[in-house]
Amino acid sequence: MEIEEYKKMDELESKHWWFVSKRNFLRITIGREIGILKSKKVLDVGCGTGGVLQMLAELGSEAEGVDVSEAALAYCRDKNLKVTLGDGVKLPYQDGIFDLVISSDVLEHIENDDAAVAEIKRVLKPGGVLIATVPAHQKLFSYHDVALHHVRRYSKDQFYNLLAKFFPEAKVTWIHCALLVPATIQRVISKFIGKKDSDVEMNNPLINKMLSIWYVIEFVLYKFFNGLPFGLSLIGVAKKK
């Protein structure tokens, strides 16, 4: 990811509806799959500037993060978060030590995503859980993805097959349901006008508030139905036997 993108992420992730909603989807999924995190050892792979890692710490877990970027880790250290420099395909941890691993919009950055999932499985305890999110719909690949150094966007089947290769009982569903149509329109317009940066920017406060309110509906539907019928992103859950 470009250095400028880390700066924007750090400035926005505490209040921008996208980052807030992503953390809430993760929070709901964590509660459903592993319950209260007090005293649980948790790893945030590709922790970035620390938004998800802060949430994990606030939930009472023994949380730590790993990222390949020293620039990102500097923001985490400023927040007194426990982080380590490391590559997702060669995690600097012993086998079987984490109860939960979070991979939040990370696998799309890694050329060899098979190796990354294999490494996550290695560091999970027996019975440990992986929760991962990725962007969906390769047809929406745009300069936004280029700016964020994405290698790919995933289809639902592609993401499921990746997880199921290592976790036979993996589950995958959609999130960010309401965004699919407007994001598709935005990407078409961006390509037409030749936009050359990412979509990570602060919205008008009113739009930010309206989308935050809308997501309350999505969270209820996601929690009640254990998933959404379509969306801009995918979330996967996998347990190590």
Foldseek 3Di string as FASTA:
>chain_A
DDLVVLVLCLVPLVQFLVNVLLLLVVVLVCCVQPNQAAAFEEEEEQCFQPPNQVVSVVSHHNYEYEHQDPSRVVNVVVVVGHYDYDDLLDDPDAFADGQEYEYEANLQQDPPSLSNLVVVLRNHHAFHKYKYKHFADQVLDALQCVQVNGNGHYHQVRVQVSNCVQFVPKDKAAAAAVCPVVSSVVSVVCVVVVPNYHPSDHDDPVVSVVSNVVSVVVSVCCSVVVHDPHHRMMMMMGTHD
